[in-house]
Amino acid sequence: MKTYSPSATEIKREWQVFDASGQVLGRLASQVAKLLMGKHKSIYTPHLDTGDYVLVLNAAKVEVSGKKANQKIYYRHSGYPGGLKEITFRELFSKDPTRVVEAAVKGMLPKNRLGRAMFKKLRVYAGSEHPHHAQVASRR
């Protein structure tokens, strides 16, 4: 019995479209992460990037449950002493709703160079307009 490992020529990437309006952030992010990793395909291999391109539309209409809008905090660091910055979900969502969806998906991907390559296949837009009409074939 030999273990099957797909070659780079056998990996076929498709474009998947998600409409985020009315969906809960974490549930949407887990579905998107699964598609980016390629876990929905029969040729899935943990050490290869077999996933599809994912397009998330209407990120400005995503929802969170409970008190997360006020209590969830996003951190970043400038690299200097005392350079820890924090912002709540509500503030970040009003500034740039795409960053909220990107942060949720990025947290569900592997923390290595493979995860960074998977994250590059994600496109998030606040509205329903996007420049990828030629690539998109299916809609979720």
N, C-alpha and C. Protein backbone atom coordinates (compact mmCIF):
# COMPACT_ATOMS: atom_id res chain seq x y z
N MET A 1 0.84 -1.17 0.00
CA MET A 1 0.00 0.00 0.00
C MET A 1 0.88 1.24 0.00
N LYS A 2 0.70 2.11 -0.97
CA LYS A 2 1.47 3.34 -1.02
C LYS A 2 0.58 4.53 -0.69
N THR A 3 1.16 5.51 -0.04
CA THR A 3 0.42 6.72 0.29
C THR A 3 0.40 7.63 -0.92
N TYR A 4 -0.79 8.10 -1.28
CA TYR A 4 -0.94 8.98 -2.43
C TYR A 4 -0.62 10.42 -2.03
N SER A 5 0.18 11.07 -2.81
CA SER A 5 0.49 12.48 -2.59
C SER A 5 0.34 13.20 -3.92
N PRO A 6 -0.56 14.16 -4.02
CA PRO A 6 -0.79 14.84 -5.29
C PRO A 6 0.38 15.73 -5.69
N SER A 7 0.65 15.78 -6.98
CA SER A 7 1.68 16.68 -7.47
C SER A 7 1.08 18.05 -7.73
N ALA A 8 1.92 19.03 -7.98
CA ALA A 8 1.46 20.40 -8.18
C ALA A 8 0.56 20.52 -9.41
N THR A 9 0.77 19.67 -10.40
CA THR A 9 -0.04 19.74 -11.62
C THR A 9 -1.44 19.16 -11.41
N GLU A 10 -1.60 18.30 -10.41
CA GLU A 10 -2.90 17.68 -10.15
C GLU A 10 -3.82 18.55 -9.30
N ILE A 11 -3.28 19.61 -8.68
CA ILE A 11 -4.09 20.46 -7.82
C ILE A 11 -4.84 21.47 -8.68
N LYS A 12 -6.14 21.35 -8.70
CA LYS A 12 -7.01 22.26 -9.46
C LYS A 12 -7.67 23.22 -8.48
N ARG A 13 -7.46 24.50 -8.69
CA ARG A 13 -8.03 25.51 -7.80
C ARG A 13 -9.26 26.14 -8.44
N GLU A 14 -10.32 26.23 -7.67
CA GLU A 14 -11.55 26.88 -8.12
C GLU A 14 -11.78 28.12 -7.27
N TRP A 15 -12.73 28.95 -7.69
CA TRP A 15 -13.12 30.13 -6.93
C TRP A 15 -14.44 29.86 -6.24
N GLN A 16 -14.46 30.00 -4.92
CA GLN A 16 -15.66 29.83 -4.12
C GLN A 16 -16.10 31.20 -3.62
N VAL A 17 -17.40 31.47 -3.64
CA VAL A 17 -17.93 32.76 -3.22
C VAL A 17 -18.83 32.58 -2.01
N PHE A 18 -18.61 33.40 -0.99
CA PHE A 18 -19.45 33.40 0.21
C PHE A 18 -20.11 34.76 0.36
N ASP A 19 -21.38 34.75 0.69
CA ASP A 19 -22.09 35.98 1.03
C ASP A 19 -22.19 36.02 2.55
N ALA A 20 -21.51 36.98 3.17
CA ALA A 20 -21.40 37.04 4.63
C ALA A 20 -22.57 37.74 5.29
N SER A 21 -23.52 38.25 4.53
CA SER A 21 -24.60 39.02 5.14
C SER A 21 -25.47 38.12 6.02
N GLY A 22 -25.60 38.52 7.29
CA GLY A 22 -26.42 37.80 8.24
C GLY A 22 -25.77 36.57 8.84
N GLN A 23 -24.53 36.25 8.48
CA GLN A 23 -23.86 35.06 9.02
C GLN A 23 -23.04 35.42 10.25
N VAL A 24 -22.88 34.45 11.15
CA VAL A 24 -22.08 34.64 12.34
C VAL A 24 -20.60 34.52 11.95
N LEU A 25 -19.79 35.42 12.49
CA LEU A 25 -18.38 35.55 12.08
C LEU A 25 -17.60 34.25 12.22
N GLY A 26 -17.65 33.59 13.36
CA GLY A 26 -16.86 32.38 13.59
C GLY A 26 -17.27 31.22 12.70
N ARG A 27 -18.55 31.06 12.48
CA ARG A 27 -19.01 29.96 11.62
C ARG A 27 -18.62 30.20 10.17
N LEU A 28 -18.70 31.44 9.74
CA LEU A 28 -18.26 31.79 8.39
C LEU A 28 -16.77 31.55 8.23
N ALA A 29 -15.99 31.98 9.23
CA ALA A 29 -14.53 31.85 9.16
C ALA A 29 -14.09 30.40 9.12
N SER A 30 -14.77 29.53 9.86
CA SER A 30 -14.38 28.11 9.85
C SER A 30 -14.66 27.46 8.50
N GLN A 31 -15.77 27.84 7.85
CA GLN A 31 -16.06 27.31 6.51
C GLN A 31 -15.05 27.81 5.49
N VAL A 32 -14.69 29.09 5.59
CA VAL A 32 -13.72 29.67 4.66
C VAL A 32 -12.35 29.03 4.86
N ALA A 33 -11.93 28.84 6.11
CA ALA A 33 -10.62 28.23 6.39
C ALA A 33 -10.55 26.81 5.85
N LYS A 34 -11.65 26.08 5.96
CA LYS A 34 -11.69 24.71 5.43
C LYS A 34 -11.47 24.70 3.92
N LEU A 35 -12.09 25.65 3.22
CA LEU A 35 -11.92 25.72 1.76
C LEU A 35 -10.51 26.18 1.38
N LEU A 36 -9.94 27.12 2.15
CA LEU A 36 -8.58 27.59 1.85
C LEU A 36 -7.55 26.48 2.04
N MET A 37 -7.77 25.62 3.04
CA MET A 37 -6.85 24.51 3.29
C MET A 37 -7.04 23.37 2.30
N GLY A 38 -8.24 23.25 1.74
CA GLY A 38 -8.51 22.17 0.81
C GLY A 38 -9.05 20.93 1.46
N LYS A 39 -9.57 21.05 2.69
CA LYS A 39 -10.07 19.88 3.41
C LYS A 39 -11.33 19.30 2.79
N HIS A 40 -11.97 20.03 1.91
CA HIS A 40 -13.18 19.54 1.26
C HIS A 40 -12.87 18.67 0.05
N LYS A 41 -11.61 18.56 -0.31
CA LYS A 41 -11.21 17.78 -1.49
C LYS A 41 -10.69 16.40 -1.07
N SER A 42 -10.83 15.45 -1.97
CA SER A 42 -10.35 14.10 -1.68
C SER A 42 -8.83 14.01 -1.76
N ILE A 43 -8.18 14.98 -2.39
CA ILE A 43 -6.72 14.96 -2.50
C ILE A 43 -6.05 15.76 -1.39
N TYR A 44 -6.79 16.10 -0.33
CA TYR A 44 -6.23 16.91 0.77
C TYR A 44 -5.01 16.24 1.35
N THR A 45 -3.95 17.02 1.50
CA THR A 45 -2.71 16.58 2.12
C THR A 45 -2.28 17.69 3.08
N PRO A 46 -2.00 17.39 4.34
CA PRO A 46 -1.70 18.43 5.32
C PRO A 46 -0.48 19.28 4.98
N HIS A 47 0.50 18.71 4.27
CA HIS A 47 1.73 19.46 4.01
C HIS A 47 1.72 20.17 2.65
N LEU A 48 0.59 20.14 1.92
CA LEU A 48 0.47 20.82 0.63
C LEU A 48 -0.70 21.79 0.65
N ASP A 49 -0.59 22.83 -0.15
CA ASP A 49 -1.67 23.80 -0.28
C ASP A 49 -2.59 23.34 -1.42
N THR A 50 -3.65 22.61 -1.06
CA THR A 50 -4.56 22.07 -2.07
C THR A 50 -5.86 22.84 -2.14
N GLY A 51 -5.96 23.95 -1.43
CA GLY A 51 -7.22 24.68 -1.30
C GLY A 51 -7.59 25.53 -2.49
N ASP A 52 -8.81 26.08 -2.41
CA ASP A 52 -9.36 26.94 -3.45
C ASP A 52 -9.18 28.41 -3.09
N TYR A 53 -9.46 29.26 -4.08
CA TYR A 53 -9.54 30.69 -3.82
C TYR A 53 -10.92 30.97 -3.22
N VAL A 54 -10.99 31.84 -2.24
CA VAL A 54 -12.25 32.14 -1.59
C VAL A 54 -12.50 33.64 -1.64
N LEU A 55 -13.72 33.99 -2.03
CA LEU A 55 -14.15 35.37 -2.16
C LEU A 55 -15.29 35.59 -1.17
N VAL A 56 -15.10 36.50 -0.22
CA VAL A 56 -16.13 36.80 0.78
C VAL A 56 -16.70 38.17 0.48
N LEU A 57 -18.01 38.22 0.22
CA LEU A 57 -18.69 39.46 -0.09
C LEU A 57 -19.55 39.89 1.09
N ASN A 58 -19.88 41.17 1.14
CA ASN A 58 -20.73 41.76 2.17
C ASN A 58 -20.18 41.54 3.58
N ALA A 59 -18.88 41.75 3.76
CA ALA A 59 -18.27 41.59 5.08
C ALA A 59 -18.81 42.61 6.08
N ALA A 60 -19.35 43.71 5.61
CA ALA A 60 -19.91 44.73 6.49
C ALA A 60 -21.22 44.29 7.12
N LYS A 61 -21.78 43.18 6.67
CA LYS A 61 -23.06 42.69 7.21
C LYS A 61 -22.90 41.44 8.06
N VAL A 62 -21.68 41.11 8.44
CA VAL A 62 -21.44 39.94 9.28
C VAL A 62 -21.86 40.26 10.71
N GLU A 63 -22.25 39.24 11.48
CA GLU A 63 -22.74 39.45 12.83
C GLU A 63 -21.90 38.66 13.82
N VAL A 64 -21.93 39.10 15.08
CA VAL A 64 -21.32 38.35 16.18
C VAL A 64 -22.38 38.15 17.24
N SER A 65 -22.25 37.08 18.01
CA SER A 65 -23.26 36.77 19.02
C SER A 65 -22.81 37.27 20.39
N GLY A 66 -23.74 37.41 21.28
CA GLY A 66 -23.44 37.80 22.65
C GLY A 66 -22.93 39.22 22.76
N LYS A 67 -21.99 39.42 23.68
CA LYS A 67 -21.44 40.76 23.94
C LYS A 67 -20.10 40.98 23.23
N LYS A 68 -19.82 40.15 22.21
CA LYS A 68 -18.52 40.23 21.54
C LYS A 68 -18.26 41.58 20.89
N ALA A 69 -19.31 42.27 20.46
CA ALA A 69 -19.13 43.56 19.79
C ALA A 69 -18.41 44.55 20.69
N ASN A 70 -18.65 44.49 21.99
CA ASN A 70 -18.00 45.40 22.93
C ASN A 70 -16.82 44.79 23.66
N GLN A 71 -16.83 43.47 23.84
CA GLN A 71 -15.81 42.83 24.68
C GLN A 71 -14.66 42.21 23.91
N LYS A 72 -14.82 41.88 22.63
CA LYS A 72 -13.75 41.25 21.86
C LYS A 72 -12.70 42.30 21.53
N ILE A 73 -11.44 42.00 21.80
CA ILE A 73 -10.36 42.97 21.60
C ILE A 73 -9.32 42.38 20.65
N TYR A 74 -8.89 43.19 19.70
CA TYR A 74 -7.83 42.83 18.76
C TYR A 74 -6.56 43.55 19.18
N TYR A 75 -5.44 42.81 19.26
CA TYR A 75 -4.17 43.38 19.68
C TYR A 75 -3.19 43.41 18.52
N ARG A 76 -2.30 44.41 18.55
CA ARG A 76 -1.17 44.44 17.64
C ARG A 76 -0.03 45.14 18.36
N HIS A 77 1.19 44.89 17.94
CA HIS A 77 2.35 45.46 18.62
C HIS A 77 3.26 46.12 17.60
N SER A 78 3.76 47.30 17.95
CA SER A 78 4.61 48.04 17.03
C SER A 78 6.04 47.50 16.99
N GLY A 79 6.41 46.72 18.00
CA GLY A 79 7.76 46.21 18.07
C GLY A 79 8.64 47.01 19.02
N TYR A 80 8.14 48.13 19.49
CA TYR A 80 8.87 48.97 20.44
C TYR A 80 8.34 48.73 21.85
N PRO A 81 9.15 49.05 22.87
CA PRO A 81 8.67 48.88 24.24
C PRO A 81 7.43 49.74 24.49
N GLY A 82 6.42 49.13 25.09
CA GLY A 82 5.18 49.84 25.35
C GLY A 82 4.33 50.05 24.12
N GLY A 83 4.62 49.31 23.05
CA GLY A 83 3.94 49.53 21.78
C GLY A 83 2.74 48.64 21.53
N LEU A 84 2.12 48.12 22.61
CA LEU A 84 0.95 47.26 22.44
C LEU A 84 -0.28 48.12 22.20
N LYS A 85 -0.93 47.90 21.09
CA LYS A 85 -2.15 48.65 20.74
C LYS A 85 -3.32 47.69 20.83
N GLU A 86 -4.48 48.19 21.18
CA GLU A 86 -5.67 47.36 21.22
C GLU A 86 -6.85 48.15 20.69
N ILE A 87 -7.79 47.41 20.10
CA ILE A 87 -8.99 48.01 19.52
C ILE A 87 -10.13 47.00 19.68
N THR A 88 -11.32 47.50 19.99
CA THR A 88 -12.45 46.59 20.18
C THR A 88 -13.03 46.19 18.81
N PHE A 89 -13.85 45.15 18.84
CA PHE A 89 -14.48 44.67 17.61
C PHE A 89 -15.31 45.78 16.97
N ARG A 90 -16.09 46.48 17.77
CA ARG A 90 -16.98 47.51 17.24
C ARG A 90 -16.20 48.63 16.54
N GLU A 91 -15.07 49.06 17.14
CA GLU A 91 -14.26 50.12 16.53
C GLU A 91 -13.61 49.65 15.23
N LEU A 92 -13.04 48.44 15.25
CA LEU A 92 -12.39 47.92 14.05
C LEU A 92 -13.41 47.65 12.95
N PHE A 93 -14.58 47.16 13.34
CA PHE A 93 -15.63 46.87 12.36
C PHE A 93 -16.13 48.15 11.69
N SER A 94 -16.22 49.24 12.45
CA SER A 94 -16.66 50.50 11.84
C SER A 94 -15.58 51.10 10.95
N LYS A 95 -14.30 50.87 11.29
CA LYS A 95 -13.19 51.36 10.45
C LYS A 95 -13.06 50.56 9.16
N ASP A 96 -12.91 49.23 9.33
CA ASP A 96 -12.65 48.35 8.18
C ASP A 96 -13.21 46.95 8.46
N PRO A 97 -14.43 46.66 8.01
CA PRO A 97 -15.03 45.35 8.30
C PRO A 97 -14.30 44.18 7.65
N THR A 98 -13.52 44.43 6.62
CA THR A 98 -12.80 43.32 5.99
C THR A 98 -11.71 42.76 6.90
N ARG A 99 -11.10 43.61 7.73
CA ARG A 99 -10.03 43.15 8.62
C ARG A 99 -10.56 42.22 9.70
N VAL A 100 -11.82 42.39 10.09
CA VAL A 100 -12.42 41.52 11.09
C VAL A 100 -12.54 40.10 10.54
N VAL A 101 -13.03 39.97 9.32
CA VAL A 101 -13.19 38.66 8.70
C VAL A 101 -11.82 38.04 8.43
N GLU A 102 -10.87 38.84 7.95
CA GLU A 102 -9.53 38.33 7.67
C GLU A 102 -8.86 37.83 8.95
N ALA A 103 -9.01 38.54 10.05
CA ALA A 103 -8.39 38.12 11.31
C ALA A 103 -8.99 36.82 11.81
N ALA A 104 -10.31 36.65 11.65
CA ALA A 104 -10.96 35.42 12.10
C ALA A 104 -10.51 34.22 11.28
N VAL A 105 -10.37 34.41 9.97
CA VAL A 105 -9.93 33.30 9.10
C VAL A 105 -8.46 32.99 9.34
N LYS A 106 -7.64 34.03 9.48
CA LYS A 106 -6.21 33.83 9.67
C LYS A 106 -5.91 33.06 10.95
N GLY A 107 -6.74 33.26 11.98
CA GLY A 107 -6.55 32.53 13.23
C GLY A 107 -6.87 31.06 13.12
N MET A 108 -7.57 30.66 12.08
CA MET A 108 -7.95 29.25 11.90
C MET A 108 -7.06 28.52 10.91
N LEU A 109 -6.07 29.21 10.35
CA LEU A 109 -5.14 28.59 9.42
C LEU A 109 -3.86 28.19 10.14
N PRO A 110 -3.05 27.31 9.57
CA PRO A 110 -1.78 26.93 10.20
C PRO A 110 -0.86 28.14 10.37
N LYS A 111 -0.09 28.14 11.46
CA LYS A 111 0.81 29.25 11.76
C LYS A 111 2.21 28.94 11.20
N ASN A 112 2.34 28.88 9.89
CA ASN A 112 3.63 28.64 9.25
C ASN A 112 3.58 29.18 7.82
N ARG A 113 4.59 28.90 7.02
CA ARG A 113 4.62 29.45 5.67
C ARG A 113 3.50 28.89 4.80
N LEU A 114 3.05 27.70 5.10
CA LEU A 114 1.92 27.11 4.37
C LEU A 114 0.64 27.87 4.66
N GLY A 115 0.43 28.24 5.91
CA GLY A 115 -0.74 29.02 6.29
C GLY A 115 -0.73 30.41 5.65
N ARG A 116 0.44 31.01 5.55
CA ARG A 116 0.55 32.32 4.90
C ARG A 116 0.24 32.22 3.41
N ALA A 117 0.64 31.12 2.78
CA ALA A 117 0.32 30.92 1.36
C ALA A 117 -1.18 30.70 1.18
N MET A 118 -1.81 30.00 2.10
CA MET A 118 -3.25 29.79 2.03
C MET A 118 -4.00 31.11 2.20
N PHE A 119 -3.53 31.94 3.12
CA PHE A 119 -4.20 33.21 3.40
C PHE A 119 -4.17 34.15 2.20
N LYS A 120 -3.17 34.02 1.35
CA LYS A 120 -3.07 34.88 0.16
C LYS A 120 -4.17 34.59 -0.86
N LYS A 121 -4.84 33.44 -0.72
CA LYS A 121 -5.92 33.08 -1.65
C LYS A 121 -7.27 33.60 -1.19
N LEU A 122 -7.29 34.38 -0.11
CA LEU A 122 -8.54 34.92 0.43
C LEU A 122 -8.73 36.36 -0.05
N ARG A 123 -9.93 36.67 -0.54
CA ARG A 123 -10.29 38.03 -0.94
C ARG A 123 -11.56 38.41 -0.19
N VAL A 124 -11.53 39.52 0.54
CA VAL A 124 -12.68 39.95 1.34
C VAL A 124 -13.07 41.35 0.89
N TYR A 125 -14.36 41.56 0.66
CA TYR A 125 -14.88 42.87 0.25
C TYR A 125 -16.05 43.24 1.14
N ALA A 126 -16.11 44.52 1.53
CA ALA A 126 -17.16 45.00 2.44
C ALA A 126 -18.53 44.98 1.77
N GLY A 127 -18.59 45.25 0.47
CA GLY A 127 -19.86 45.26 -0.26
C GLY A 127 -19.98 44.07 -1.18
N SER A 128 -20.92 44.17 -2.10
CA SER A 128 -21.14 43.05 -3.02
C SER A 128 -20.38 43.23 -4.34
N GLU A 129 -19.70 44.34 -4.53
CA GLU A 129 -18.91 44.59 -5.75
C GLU A 129 -17.51 44.01 -5.60
N HIS A 130 -17.03 43.35 -6.67
CA HIS A 130 -15.68 42.80 -6.67
C HIS A 130 -15.16 42.73 -8.10
N PRO A 131 -13.83 42.74 -8.28
CA PRO A 131 -13.25 42.71 -9.62
C PRO A 131 -12.95 41.32 -10.16
N HIS A 132 -13.52 40.27 -9.55
CA HIS A 132 -13.17 38.89 -9.93
C HIS A 132 -14.28 38.18 -10.70
N HIS A 133 -15.06 38.90 -11.46
CA HIS A 133 -16.19 38.30 -12.18
C HIS A 133 -15.74 37.24 -13.18
N ALA A 134 -14.57 37.41 -13.77
CA ALA A 134 -14.10 36.45 -14.77
C ALA A 134 -13.72 35.11 -14.15
N GLN A 135 -13.28 35.12 -12.86
CA GLN A 135 -12.84 33.89 -12.23
C GLN A 135 -13.97 33.11 -11.57
N VAL A 136 -14.99 33.81 -11.12
CA VAL A 136 -16.03 33.19 -10.29
C VAL A 136 -16.97 32.34 -11.13
N ALA A 137 -17.14 31.10 -10.69
CA ALA A 137 -18.06 30.20 -11.39
C ALA A 137 -19.17 29.72 -10.46
N SER A 138 -18.84 29.45 -9.18
CA SER A 138 -19.83 28.93 -8.25
C SER A 138 -20.11 29.94 -7.15
N ARG A 139 -21.25 29.79 -6.48
CA ARG A 139 -21.63 30.71 -5.41
C ARG A 139 -22.19 29.91 -4.24
N ARG A 140 -21.80 30.25 -3.02
CA ARG A 140 -22.29 29.58 -1.80
C ARG A 140 -23.19 30.51 -1.04
